[in-house]
Amino acid sequence: LAKVQGRLGLIPQEAADEIVSHCRLDQID
C-alpha cells in the first residue's frame, strides 16, 4: 500500500520508503 501510494504521490515517497523498510516480521514485538 505504501509503495503504491508513494508512486501515485498520495503520500511522500520518503514516508513510503521508511514504512516499507520496517515491514518485516523480525521488527514486530
mmCIF file of all heavy atoms, coordinates in Angstrom:
data_MODEL
# 
_entry.id   MODEL 
# 
loop_
_atom_site.group_PDB 
_atom_site.id 
_atom_site.type_symbol 
_atom_site.label_atom_id 
_atom_site.label_alt_id 
_atom_site.label_comp_id 
_atom_site.label_asym_id 
_atom_site.label_entity_id 
_atom_site.label_seq_id 
_atom_site.pdbx_PDB_ins_code 
_atom_site.Cartn_x 
_atom_site.Cartn_y 
_atom_site.Cartn_z 
_atom_site.occupancy 
_atom_site.B_iso_or_equiv 
_atom_site.pdbx_formal_charge 
_atom_site.auth_seq_id 
_atom_site.auth_comp_id 
_atom_site.auth_asym_id 
_atom_site.auth_atom_id 
_atom_site.pdbx_PDB_model_num 
ATOM 1   N N   . LEU A 1 1  ? 0.834  -1.206  0.000  1.00 0.00 ? 1  LEU A N   1 
ATOM 2   C CA  . LEU A 1 1  ? 0.000  0.000   0.000  1.00 0.00 ? 1  LEU A CA  1 
ATOM 3   C C   . LEU A 1 1  ? 0.871  1.260   0.000  1.00 0.00 ? 1  LEU A C   1 
ATOM 4   O O   . LEU A 1 1  ? 0.614  2.207   -0.757 1.00 0.00 ? 1  LEU A O   1 
ATOM 5   C CB  . LEU A 1 1  ? -0.926 -0.014  1.218  1.00 0.00 ? 1  LEU A CB  1 
ATOM 6   C CG  . LEU A 1 1  ? -1.879 1.172   1.371  1.00 0.00 ? 1  LEU A CG  1 
ATOM 7   C CD1 . LEU A 1 1  ? -2.809 1.295   0.168  1.00 0.00 ? 1  LEU A CD1 1 
ATOM 8   C CD2 . LEU A 1 1  ? -2.685 1.043   2.673  1.00 0.00 ? 1  LEU A CD2 1 
ATOM 9   N N   . ALA A 1 2  ? 1.895  1.274   0.837  1.00 0.00 ? 2  ALA A N   1 
ATOM 10  C CA  . ALA A 1 2  ? 2.791  2.436   0.902  1.00 0.00 ? 2  ALA A CA  1 
ATOM 11  C C   . ALA A 1 2  ? 3.518  2.626   -0.431 1.00 0.00 ? 2  ALA A C   1 
ATOM 12  O O   . ALA A 1 2  ? 3.647  3.765   -0.917 1.00 0.00 ? 2  ALA A O   1 
ATOM 13  C CB  . ALA A 1 2  ? 3.790  2.249   2.038  1.00 0.00 ? 2  ALA A CB  1 
ATOM 14  N N   . LYS A 1 3  ? 3.993  1.542   -1.030 1.00 0.00 ? 3  LYS A N   1 
ATOM 15  C CA  . LYS A 1 3  ? 4.673  1.642   -2.329 1.00 0.00 ? 3  LYS A CA  1 
ATOM 16  C C   . LYS A 1 3  ? 3.777  2.285   -3.377 1.00 0.00 ? 3  LYS A C   1 
ATOM 17  O O   . LYS A 1 3  ? 4.176  3.207   -4.104 1.00 0.00 ? 3  LYS A O   1 
ATOM 18  C CB  . LYS A 1 3  ? 5.091  0.248   -2.821 1.00 0.00 ? 3  LYS A CB  1 
ATOM 19  C CG  . LYS A 1 3  ? 6.292  -0.353  -2.149 1.00 0.00 ? 3  LYS A CG  1 
ATOM 20  C CD  . LYS A 1 3  ? 6.573  -1.726  -2.774 1.00 0.00 ? 3  LYS A CD  1 
ATOM 21  C CE  . LYS A 1 3  ? 7.697  -2.444  -2.046 1.00 0.00 ? 3  LYS A CE  1 
ATOM 22  N NZ  . LYS A 1 3  ? 7.924  -3.792  -2.616 1.00 0.00 ? 3  LYS A NZ  1 
ATOM 23  N N   . VAL A 1 4  ? 2.555  1.775   -3.473 1.00 0.00 ? 4  VAL A N   1 
ATOM 24  C CA  . VAL A 1 4  ? 1.622  2.257   -4.487 1.00 0.00 ? 4  VAL A CA  1 
ATOM 25  C C   . VAL A 1 4  ? 1.271  3.716   -4.244 1.00 0.00 ? 4  VAL A C   1 
ATOM 26  O O   . VAL A 1 4  ? 1.277  4.544   -5.173 1.00 0.00 ? 4  VAL A O   1 
ATOM 27  C CB  . VAL A 1 4  ? 0.355  1.378   -4.510 1.00 0.00 ? 4  VAL A CB  1 
ATOM 28  C CG1 . VAL A 1 4  ? -0.724 2.006   -5.385 1.00 0.00 ? 4  VAL A CG1 1 
ATOM 29  C CG2 . VAL A 1 4  ? 0.695  -0.026  -5.011 1.00 0.00 ? 4  VAL A CG2 1 
ATOM 30  N N   . GLN A 1 5  ? 0.986  4.050   -2.993 1.00 0.00 ? 5  GLN A N   1 
ATOM 31  C CA  . GLN A 1 5  ? 0.590  5.427   -2.702 1.00 0.00 ? 5  GLN A CA  1 
ATOM 32  C C   . GLN A 1 5  ? 1.757  6.402   -2.835 1.00 0.00 ? 5  GLN A C   1 
ATOM 33  O O   . GLN A 1 5  ? 1.561  7.560   -3.213 1.00 0.00 ? 5  GLN A O   1 
ATOM 34  C CB  . GLN A 1 5  ? -0.032 5.503   -1.305 1.00 0.00 ? 5  GLN A CB  1 
ATOM 35  C CG  . GLN A 1 5  ? -1.385 4.792   -1.252 1.00 0.00 ? 5  GLN A CG  1 
ATOM 36  C CD  . GLN A 1 5  ? -2.038 4.845   0.115  1.00 0.00 ? 5  GLN A CD  1 
ATOM 37  O OE1 . GLN A 1 5  ? -1.353 4.847   1.145  1.00 0.00 ? 5  GLN A OE1 1 
ATOM 38  N NE2 . GLN A 1 5  ? -3.366 4.878   0.132  1.00 0.00 ? 5  GLN A NE2 1 
ATOM 39  N N   . GLY A 1 6  ? 2.963  5.938   -2.569 1.00 0.00 ? 6  GLY A N   1 
ATOM 40  C CA  . GLY A 1 6  ? 4.138  6.768   -2.806 1.00 0.00 ? 6  GLY A CA  1 
ATOM 41  C C   . GLY A 1 6  ? 4.324  7.012   -4.290 1.00 0.00 ? 6  GLY A C   1 
ATOM 42  O O   . GLY A 1 6  ? 4.626  8.131   -4.724 1.00 0.00 ? 6  GLY A O   1 
ATOM 43  N N   . ARG A 1 7  ? 4.141  5.959   -5.087 1.00 0.00 ? 7  ARG A N   1 
ATOM 44  C CA  . ARG A 1 7  ? 4.278  6.071   -6.538 1.00 0.00 ? 7  ARG A CA  1 
ATOM 45  C C   . ARG A 1 7  ? 3.235  7.003   -7.127 1.00 0.00 ? 7  ARG A C   1 
ATOM 46  O O   . ARG A 1 7  ? 3.498  7.736   -8.090 1.00 0.00 ? 7  ARG A O   1 
ATOM 47  C CB  . ARG A 1 7  ? 4.157  4.674   -7.149 1.00 0.00 ? 7  ARG A CB  1 
ATOM 48  C CG  . ARG A 1 7  ? 4.569  4.569   -8.592 1.00 0.00 ? 7  ARG A CG  1 
ATOM 49  C CD  . ARG A 1 7  ? 4.851  3.124   -8.987 1.00 0.00 ? 7  ARG A CD  1 
ATOM 50  N NE  . ARG A 1 7  ? 3.715  2.241   -8.794 1.00 0.00 ? 7  ARG A NE  1 
ATOM 51  C CZ  . ARG A 1 7  ? 3.747  1.138   -8.062 1.00 0.00 ? 7  ARG A CZ  1 
ATOM 52  N NH1 . ARG A 1 7  ? 4.852  0.773   -7.424 1.00 0.00 ? 7  ARG A NH1 1 
ATOM 53  N NH2 . ARG A 1 7  ? 2.676  0.376   -7.948 1.00 0.00 ? 7  ARG A NH2 1 
ATOM 54  N N   . LEU A 1 8  ? 2.031  6.996   -6.540 1.00 0.00 ? 8  LEU A N   1 
ATOM 55  C CA  . LEU A 1 8  ? 0.940  7.850   -7.019 1.00 0.00 ? 8  LEU A CA  1 
ATOM 56  C C   . LEU A 1 8  ? 1.017  9.266   -6.467 1.00 0.00 ? 8  LEU A C   1 
ATOM 57  O O   . LEU A 1 8  ? 0.228  10.133  -6.850 1.00 0.00 ? 8  LEU A O   1 
ATOM 58  C CB  . LEU A 1 8  ? -0.416 7.230   -6.639 1.00 0.00 ? 8  LEU A CB  1 
ATOM 59  C CG  . LEU A 1 8  ? -0.791 5.918   -7.339 1.00 0.00 ? 8  LEU A CG  1 
ATOM 60  C CD1 . LEU A 1 8  ? -2.047 5.323   -6.702 1.00 0.00 ? 8  LEU A CD1 1 
ATOM 61  C CD2 . LEU A 1 8  ? -1.001 6.139   -8.834 1.00 0.00 ? 8  LEU A CD2 1 
ATOM 62  N N   . GLY A 1 9  ? 1.937  9.479   -5.535 1.00 0.00 ? 9  GLY A N   1 
ATOM 63  C CA  . GLY A 1 9  ? 2.061  10.802  -4.935 1.00 0.00 ? 9  GLY A CA  1 
ATOM 64  C C   . GLY A 1 9  ? 1.020  11.100  -3.882 1.00 0.00 ? 9  GLY A C   1 
ATOM 65  O O   . GLY A 1 9  ? 0.831  12.263  -3.488 1.00 0.00 ? 9  GLY A O   1 
ATOM 66  N N   . LEU A 1 10 ? 0.356  10.077  -3.379 1.00 0.00 ? 10 LEU A N   1 
ATOM 67  C CA  . LEU A 1 10 ? -0.655 10.281  -2.349 1.00 0.00 ? 10 LEU A CA  1 
ATOM 68  C C   . LEU A 1 10 ? -0.030 10.420  -0.969 1.00 0.00 ? 10 LEU A C   1 
ATOM 69  O O   . LEU A 1 10 ? -0.631 11.003  -0.063 1.00 0.00 ? 10 LEU A O   1 
ATOM 70  C CB  . LEU A 1 10 ? -1.655 9.111   -2.358 1.00 0.00 ? 10 LEU A CB  1 
ATOM 71  C CG  . LEU A 1 10 ? -2.432 8.907   -3.663 1.00 0.00 ? 10 LEU A CG  1 
ATOM 72  C CD1 . LEU A 1 10 ? -3.386 7.727   -3.533 1.00 0.00 ? 10 LEU A CD1 1 
ATOM 73  C CD2 . LEU A 1 10 ? -3.203 10.164  -4.052 1.00 0.00 ? 10 LEU A CD2 1 
ATOM 74  N N   . ILE A 1 11 ? 1.132  9.833   -0.782 1.00 0.00 ? 11 ILE A N   1 
ATOM 75  C CA  . ILE A 1 11 ? 1.917  10.040  0.433  1.00 0.00 ? 11 ILE A CA  1 
ATOM 76  C C   . ILE A 1 11 ? 3.347  10.352  -0.011 1.00 0.00 ? 11 ILE A C   1 
ATOM 77  O O   . ILE A 1 11 ? 3.740  9.996   -1.135 1.00 0.00 ? 11 ILE A O   1 
ATOM 78  C CB  . ILE A 1 11 ? 1.891  8.804   1.370  1.00 0.00 ? 11 ILE A CB  1 
ATOM 79  C CG1 . ILE A 1 11 ? 2.623  7.613   0.726  1.00 0.00 ? 11 ILE A CG1 1 
ATOM 80  C CG2 . ILE A 1 11 ? 0.457  8.418   1.752  1.00 0.00 ? 11 ILE A CG2 1 
ATOM 81  C CD1 . ILE A 1 11 ? 2.795  6.420   1.670  1.00 0.00 ? 11 ILE A CD1 1 
ATOM 82  N N   . PRO A 1 12 ? 4.128  11.020  0.841  1.00 0.00 ? 12 PRO A N   1 
ATOM 83  C CA  . PRO A 1 12 ? 5.513  11.334  0.460  1.00 0.00 ? 12 PRO A CA  1 
ATOM 84  C C   . PRO A 1 12 ? 6.309  10.059  0.169  1.00 0.00 ? 12 PRO A C   1 
ATOM 85  O O   . PRO A 1 12 ? 6.167  9.059   0.885  1.00 0.00 ? 12 PRO A O   1 
ATOM 86  C CB  . PRO A 1 12 ? 6.063  12.062  1.684  1.00 0.00 ? 12 PRO A CB  1 
ATOM 87  C CG  . PRO A 1 12 ? 4.854  12.590  2.396  1.00 0.00 ? 12 PRO A CG  1 
ATOM 88  C CD  . PRO A 1 12 ? 3.771  11.589  2.159  1.00 0.00 ? 12 PRO A CD  1 
ATOM 89  N N   . GLN A 1 13 ? 7.128  10.084  -0.860 1.00 0.00 ? 13 GLN A N   1 
ATOM 90  C CA  . GLN A 1 13 ? 7.945  8.921   -1.195 1.00 0.00 ? 13 GLN A CA  1 
ATOM 91  C C   . GLN A 1 13 ? 8.865  8.553   -0.043 1.00 0.00 ? 13 GLN A C   1 
ATOM 92  O O   . GLN A 1 13 ? 9.133  7.374   0.212  1.00 0.00 ? 13 GLN A O   1 
ATOM 93  C CB  . GLN A 1 13 ? 8.755  9.195   -2.450 1.00 0.00 ? 13 GLN A CB  1 
ATOM 94  C CG  . GLN A 1 13 ? 9.536  7.980   -2.957 1.00 0.00 ? 13 GLN A CG  1 
ATOM 95  C CD  . GLN A 1 13 ? 8.622  6.822   -3.337 1.00 0.00 ? 13 GLN A CD  1 
ATOM 96  O OE1 . GLN A 1 13 ? 7.673  6.999   -4.081 1.00 0.00 ? 13 GLN A OE1 1 
ATOM 97  N NE2 . GLN A 1 13 ? 8.910  5.635   -2.808 1.00 0.00 ? 13 GLN A NE2 1 
ATOM 98  N N   . GLU A 1 14 ? 9.347  9.566   0.684  1.00 0.00 ? 14 GLU A N   1 
ATOM 99  C CA  . GLU A 1 14 ? 10.200 9.324   1.848  1.00 0.00 ? 14 GLU A CA  1 
ATOM 100 C C   . GLU A 1 14 ? 9.458  8.496   2.888  1.00 0.00 ? 14 GLU A C   1 
ATOM 101 O O   . GLU A 1 14 ? 10.024 7.570   3.493  1.00 0.00 ? 14 GLU A O   1 
ATOM 102 C CB  . GLU A 1 14 ? 10.654 10.659  2.441  1.00 0.00 ? 14 GLU A CB  1 
ATOM 103 C CG  . GLU A 1 14 ? 11.616 10.521  3.617  1.00 0.00 ? 14 GLU A CG  1 
ATOM 104 C CD  . GLU A 1 14 ? 11.972 11.864  4.246  1.00 0.00 ? 14 GLU A CD  1 
ATOM 105 O OE1 . GLU A 1 14 ? 11.267 12.856  3.993  1.00 0.00 ? 14 GLU A OE1 1 
ATOM 106 O OE2 . GLU A 1 14 ? 12.969 11.887  5.001  1.00 0.00 ? 14 GLU A OE2 1 
ATOM 107 N N   . ALA A 1 15 ? 8.177  8.799   3.072  1.00 0.00 ? 15 ALA A N   1 
ATOM 108 C CA  . ALA A 1 15 ? 7.365  8.051   4.039  1.00 0.00 ? 15 ALA A CA  1 
ATOM 109 C C   . ALA A 1 15 ? 7.163  6.618   3.556  1.00 0.00 ? 15 ALA A C   1 
ATOM 110 O O   . ALA A 1 15 ? 7.246  5.657   4.339  1.00 0.00 ? 15 ALA A O   1 
ATOM 111 C CB  . ALA A 1 15 ? 6.025  8.743   4.240  1.00 0.00 ? 15 ALA A CB  1 
ATOM 112 N N   . ALA A 1 16 ? 6.886  6.469   2.260  1.00 0.00 ? 16 ALA A N   1 
ATOM 113 C CA  . ALA A 1 16 ? 6.681  5.124   1.707  1.00 0.00 ? 16 ALA A CA  1 
ATOM 114 C C   . ALA A 1 16 ? 7.926  4.260   1.905  1.00 0.00 ? 16 ALA A C   1 
ATOM 115 O O   . ALA A 1 16 ? 7.832  3.103   2.345  1.00 0.00 ? 16 ALA A O   1 
ATOM 116 C CB  . ALA A 1 16 ? 6.340  5.226   0.226  1.00 0.00 ? 16 ALA A CB  1 
ATOM 117 N N   . ASP A 1 17 ? 9.096  4.833   1.617  1.00 0.00 ? 17 ASP A N   1 
ATOM 118 C CA  . ASP A 1 17 ? 10.348 4.078   1.767  1.00 0.00 ? 17 ASP A CA  1 
ATOM 119 C C   . ASP A 1 17 ? 10.590 3.696   3.228  1.00 0.00 ? 17 ASP A C   1 
ATOM 120 O O   . ASP A 1 17 ? 11.037 2.571   3.524  1.00 0.00 ? 17 ASP A O   1 
ATOM 121 C CB  . ASP A 1 17 ? 11.519 4.908   1.248  1.00 0.00 ? 17 ASP A CB  1 
ATOM 122 C CG  . ASP A 1 17 ? 11.442 5.149   -0.253 1.00 0.00 ? 17 ASP A CG  1 
ATOM 123 O OD1 . ASP A 1 17 ? 10.730 4.385   -0.937 1.00 0.00 ? 17 ASP A OD1 1 
ATOM 124 O OD2 . ASP A 1 17 ? 12.096 6.096   -0.729 1.00 0.00 ? 17 ASP A OD2 1 
ATOM 125 N N   . GLU A 1 18 ? 10.298 4.621   4.128  1.00 0.00 ? 18 GLU A N   1 
ATOM 126 C CA  . GLU A 1 18 ? 10.506 4.368   5.555  1.00 0.00 ? 18 GLU A CA  1 
ATOM 127 C C   . GLU A 1 18 ? 9.562  3.269   6.050  1.00 0.00 ? 18 GLU A C   1 
ATOM 128 O O   . GLU A 1 18 ? 9.967  2.369   6.793  1.00 0.00 ? 18 GLU A O   1 
ATOM 129 C CB  . GLU A 1 18 ? 10.286 5.660   6.341  1.00 0.00 ? 18 GLU A CB  1 
ATOM 130 C CG  . GLU A 1 18 ? 10.495 5.523   7.854  1.00 0.00 ? 18 GLU A CG  1 
ATOM 131 C CD  . GLU A 1 18 ? 11.943 5.259   8.248  1.00 0.00 ? 18 GLU A CD  1 
ATOM 132 O OE1 . GLU A 1 18 ? 12.845 5.355   7.388  1.00 0.00 ? 18 GLU A OE1 1 
ATOM 133 O OE2 . GLU A 1 18 ? 12.176 4.931   9.437  1.00 0.00 ? 18 GLU A OE2 1 
ATOM 134 N N   . ILE A 1 19 ? 8.320  3.335   5.641  1.00 0.00 ? 19 ILE A N   1 
ATOM 135 C CA  . ILE A 1 19 ? 7.340  2.320   6.061  1.00 0.00 ? 19 ILE A CA  1 
ATOM 136 C C   . ILE A 1 19 ? 7.753  0.947   5.550  1.00 0.00 ? 19 ILE A C   1 
ATOM 137 O O   . ILE A 1 19 ? 7.777  -0.034  6.300  1.00 0.00 ? 19 ILE A O   1 
ATOM 138 C CB  . ILE A 1 19 ? 5.938  2.695   5.550  1.00 0.00 ? 19 ILE A CB  1 
ATOM 139 C CG1 . ILE A 1 19 ? 5.423  3.937   6.280  1.00 0.00 ? 19 ILE A CG1 1 
ATOM 140 C CG2 . ILE A 1 19 ? 4.964  1.528   5.752  1.00 0.00 ? 19 ILE A CG2 1 
ATOM 141 C CD1 . ILE A 1 19 ? 4.223  4.585   5.616  1.00 0.00 ? 19 ILE A CD1 1 
ATOM 142 N N   . VAL A 1 20 ? 8.103  0.881   4.273  1.00 0.00 ? 20 VAL A N   1 
ATOM 143 C CA  . VAL A 1 20 ? 8.481  -0.405  3.657  1.00 0.00 ? 20 VAL A CA  1 
ATOM 144 C C   . VAL A 1 20 ? 9.693  -1.011  4.366  1.00 0.00 ? 20 VAL A C   1 
ATOM 145 O O   . VAL A 1 20 ? 9.760  -2.229  4.574  1.00 0.00 ? 20 VAL A O   1 
ATOM 146 C CB  . VAL A 1 20 ? 8.767  -0.214  2.154  1.00 0.00 ? 20 VAL A CB  1 
ATOM 147 C CG1 . VAL A 1 20 ? 9.407  -1.477  1.566  1.00 0.00 ? 20 VAL A CG1 1 
ATOM 148 C CG2 . VAL A 1 20 ? 7.496  0.135   1.405  1.00 0.00 ? 20 VAL A CG2 1 
ATOM 149 N N   . SER A 1 21 ? 10.626 -0.182  4.778  1.00 0.00 ? 21 SER A N   1 
ATOM 150 C CA  . SER A 1 21 ? 11.844 -0.684  5.414  1.00 0.00 ? 21 SER A CA  1 
ATOM 151 C C   . SER A 1 21 ? 11.576 -1.383  6.739  1.00 0.00 ? 21 SER A C   1 
ATOM 152 O O   . SER A 1 21 ? 12.411 -2.169  7.211  1.00 0.00 ? 21 SER A O   1 
ATOM 153 C CB  . SER A 1 21 ? 12.834 0.475   5.632  1.00 0.00 ? 21 SER A CB  1 
ATOM 154 O OG  . SER A 1 21 ? 12.390 1.342   6.673  1.00 0.00 ? 21 SER A OG  1 
ATOM 155 N N   . HIS A 1 22 ? 10.436 -1.109  7.336  1.00 0.00 ? 22 HIS A N   1 
ATOM 156 C CA  . HIS A 1 22 ? 10.119 -1.716  8.641  1.00 0.00 ? 22 HIS A CA  1 
ATOM 157 C C   . HIS A 1 22 ? 9.062  -2.821  8.556  1.00 0.00 ? 22 HIS A C   1 
ATOM 158 O O   . HIS A 1 22 ? 8.701  -3.381  9.591  1.00 0.00 ? 22 HIS A O   1 
ATOM 159 C CB  . HIS A 1 22 ? 9.644  -0.628  9.612  1.00 0.00 ? 22 HIS A CB  1 
ATOM 160 C CG  . HIS A 1 22 ? 10.703 0.370   9.967  1.00 0.00 ? 22 HIS A CG  1 
ATOM 161 N ND1 . HIS A 1 22 ? 11.807 0.054   10.725 1.00 0.00 ? 22 HIS A ND1 1 
ATOM 162 C CD2 . HIS A 1 22 ? 10.844 1.677   9.639  1.00 0.00 ? 22 HIS A CD2 1 
ATOM 163 C CE1 . HIS A 1 22 ? 12.579 1.117   10.870 1.00 0.00 ? 22 HIS A CE1 1 
ATOM 164 N NE2 . HIS A 1 22 ? 12.019 2.121   10.217 1.00 0.00 ? 22 HIS A NE2 1 
ATOM 165 N N   . CYS A 1 23 ? 8.596  -3.130  7.363  1.00 0.00 ? 23 CYS A N   1 
ATOM 166 C CA  . CYS A 1 23 ? 7.552  -4.159  7.225  1.00 0.00 ? 23 CYS A CA  1 
ATOM 167 C C   . CYS A 1 23 ? 8.162  -5.556  7.222  1.00 0.00 ? 23 CYS A C   1 
ATOM 168 O O   . CYS A 1 23 ? 8.024  -6.325  6.253  1.00 0.00 ? 23 CYS A O   1 
ATOM 169 C CB  . CYS A 1 23 ? 6.728  -3.905  5.971  1.00 0.00 ? 23 CYS A CB  1 
ATOM 170 S SG  . CYS A 1 23 ? 5.592  -2.516  6.123  1.00 0.00 ? 23 CYS A SG  1 
ATOM 171 N N   . ARG A 1 24 ? 8.856  -5.859  8.299  1.00 0.00 ? 24 ARG A N   1 
ATOM 172 C CA  . ARG A 1 24 ? 9.484  -7.167  8.473  1.00 0.00 ? 24 ARG A CA  1 
ATOM 173 C C   . ARG A 1 24 ? 9.054  -7.750  9.807  1.00 0.00 ? 24 ARG A C   1 
ATOM 174 O O   . ARG A 1 24 ? 8.983  -7.036  10.817 1.00 0.00 ? 24 ARG A O   1 
ATOM 175 C CB  . ARG A 1 24 ? 11.006 -7.060  8.421  1.00 0.00 ? 24 ARG A CB  1 
ATOM 176 C CG  . ARG A 1 24 ? 11.563 -6.461  7.128  1.00 0.00 ? 24 ARG A CG  1 
ATOM 177 C CD  . ARG A 1 24 ? 13.038 -6.833  6.945  1.00 0.00 ? 24 ARG A CD  1 
ATOM 178 N NE  . ARG A 1 24 ? 13.801 -6.664  8.180  1.00 0.00 ? 24 ARG A NE  1 
ATOM 179 C CZ  . ARG A 1 24 ? 14.446 -5.539  8.526  1.00 0.00 ? 24 ARG A CZ  1 
ATOM 180 N NH1 . ARG A 1 24 ? 14.386 -4.472  7.736  1.00 0.00 ? 24 ARG A NH1 1 
ATOM 181 N NH2 . ARG A 1 24 ? 15.134 -5.477  9.643  1.00 0.00 ? 24 ARG A NH2 1 
ATOM 182 N N   . LEU A 1 25 ? 8.793  -9.038  9.793  1.00 0.00 ? 25 LEU A N   1 
ATOM 183 C CA  . LEU A 1 25 ? 8.279  -9.690  10.995 1.00 0.00 ? 25 LEU A CA  1 
ATOM 184 C C   . LEU A 1 25 ? 9.247  -9.571  12.164 1.00 0.00 ? 25 LEU A C   1 
ATOM 185 O O   . LEU A 1 25 ? 8.807  -9.453  13.324 1.00 0.00 ? 25 LEU A O   1 
ATOM 186 C CB  . LEU A 1 25 ? 8.000  -11.167 10.693 1.00 0.00 ? 25 LEU A CB  1 
ATOM 187 C CG  . LEU A 1 25 ? 7.279  -11.952 11.802 1.00 0.00 ? 25 LEU A CG  1 
ATOM 188 C CD1 . LEU A 1 25 ? 5.881  -11.389 12.045 1.00 0.00 ? 25 LEU A CD1 1 
ATOM 189 C CD2 . LEU A 1 25 ? 7.212  -13.438 11.445 1.00 0.00 ? 25 LEU A CD2 1 
ATOM 190 N N   . ASP A 1 26 ? 10.550 -9.585  11.891 1.00 0.00 ? 26 ASP A N   1 
ATOM 191 C CA  . ASP A 1 26 ? 11.517 -9.533  12.986 1.00 0.00 ? 26 ASP A CA  1 
ATOM 192 C C   . ASP A 1 26 ? 11.508 -8.185  13.710 1.00 0.00 ? 26 ASP A C   1 
ATOM 193 O O   . ASP A 1 26 ? 12.137 -8.031  14.755 1.00 0.00 ? 26 ASP A O   1 
ATOM 194 C CB  . ASP A 1 26 ? 12.924 -9.880  12.501 1.00 0.00 ? 26 ASP A CB  1 
ATOM 195 C CG  . ASP A 1 26 ? 13.444 -8.920  11.427 1.00 0.00 ? 26 ASP A CG  1 
ATOM 196 O OD1 . ASP A 1 26 ? 12.770 -7.903  11.137 1.00 0.00 ? 26 ASP A OD1 1 
ATOM 197 O OD2 . ASP A 1 26 ? 14.529 -9.190  10.874 1.00 0.00 ? 26 ASP A OD2 1 
ATOM 198 N N   . GLN A 1 27 ? 10.790 -7.204  13.158 1.00 0.00 ? 27 GLN A N   1 
ATOM 199 C CA  . GLN A 1 27 ? 10.704 -5.904  13.824 1.00 0.00 ? 27 GLN A CA  1 
ATOM 200 C C   . GLN A 1 27 ? 9.404  -5.744  14.628 1.00 0.00 ? 27 GLN A C   1 
ATOM 201 O O   . GLN A 1 27 ? 9.183  -4.719  15.265 1.00 0.00 ? 27 GLN A O   1 
ATOM 202 C CB  . GLN A 1 27 ? 10.818 -4.770  12.797 1.00 0.00 ? 27 GLN A CB  1 
ATOM 203 C CG  . GLN A 1 27 ? 12.177 -4.729  12.115 1.00 0.00 ? 27 GLN A CG  1 
ATOM 204 C CD  . GLN A 1 27 ? 12.492 -3.375  11.513 1.00 0.00 ? 27 GLN A CD  1 
ATOM 205 O OE1 . GLN A 1 27 ? 12.022 -2.348  11.987 1.00 0.00 ? 27 GLN A OE1 1 
ATOM 206 N NE2 . GLN A 1 27 ? 13.305 -3.379  10.471 1.00 0.00 ? 27 GLN A NE2 1 
ATOM 207 N N   . ILE A 1 28 ? 8.569  -6.767  14.574 1.00 0.00 ? 28 ILE A N   1 
ATOM 208 C CA  . ILE A 1 28 ? 7.302  -6.730  15.311 1.00 0.00 ? 28 ILE A CA  1 
ATOM 209 C C   . ILE A 1 28 ? 7.440  -7.491  16.620 1.00 0.00 ? 28 ILE A C   1 
ATOM 210 O O   . ILE A 1 28 ? 7.917  -8.631  16.649 1.00 0.00 ? 28 ILE A O   1 
ATOM 211 C CB  . ILE A 1 28 ? 6.165  -7.341  14.469 1.00 0.00 ? 28 ILE A CB  1 
ATOM 212 C CG1 . ILE A 1 28 ? 5.951  -6.507  13.193 1.00 0.00 ? 28 ILE A CG1 1 
ATOM 213 C CG2 . ILE A 1 28 ? 4.869  -7.415  15.264 1.00 0.00 ? 28 ILE A CG2 1 
ATOM 214 C CD1 . ILE A 1 28 ? 5.506  -5.082  13.430 1.00 0.00 ? 28 ILE A CD1 1 
ATOM 215 N N   . ASP A 1 29 ? 7.038  -6.857  17.700 1.00 0.00 ? 29 ASP A N   1 
ATOM 216 C CA  . ASP A 1 29 ? 7.028  -7.483  19.022 1.00 0.00 ? 29 ASP A CA  1 
ATOM 217 C C   . ASP A 1 29 ? 5.734  -8.287  19.141 1.00 0.00 ? 29 ASP A C   1 
ATOM 218 O O   . ASP A 1 29 ? 4.662  -7.725  19.368 1.00 0.00 ? 29 ASP A O   1 
ATOM 219 C CB  . ASP A 1 29 ? 7.101  -6.398  20.101 1.00 0.00 ? 29 ASP A CB  1 
ATOM 220 C CG  . ASP A 1 29 ? 7.207  -6.964  21.509 1.00 0.00 ? 29 ASP A CG  1 
ATOM 221 O OD1 . ASP A 1 29 ? 6.729  -8.088  21.731 1.00 0.00 ? 29 ASP A OD1 1 
ATOM 222 O OD2 . ASP A 1 29 ? 7.738  -6.262  22.392 1.00 0.00 ? 29 ASP A OD2 1 
# 
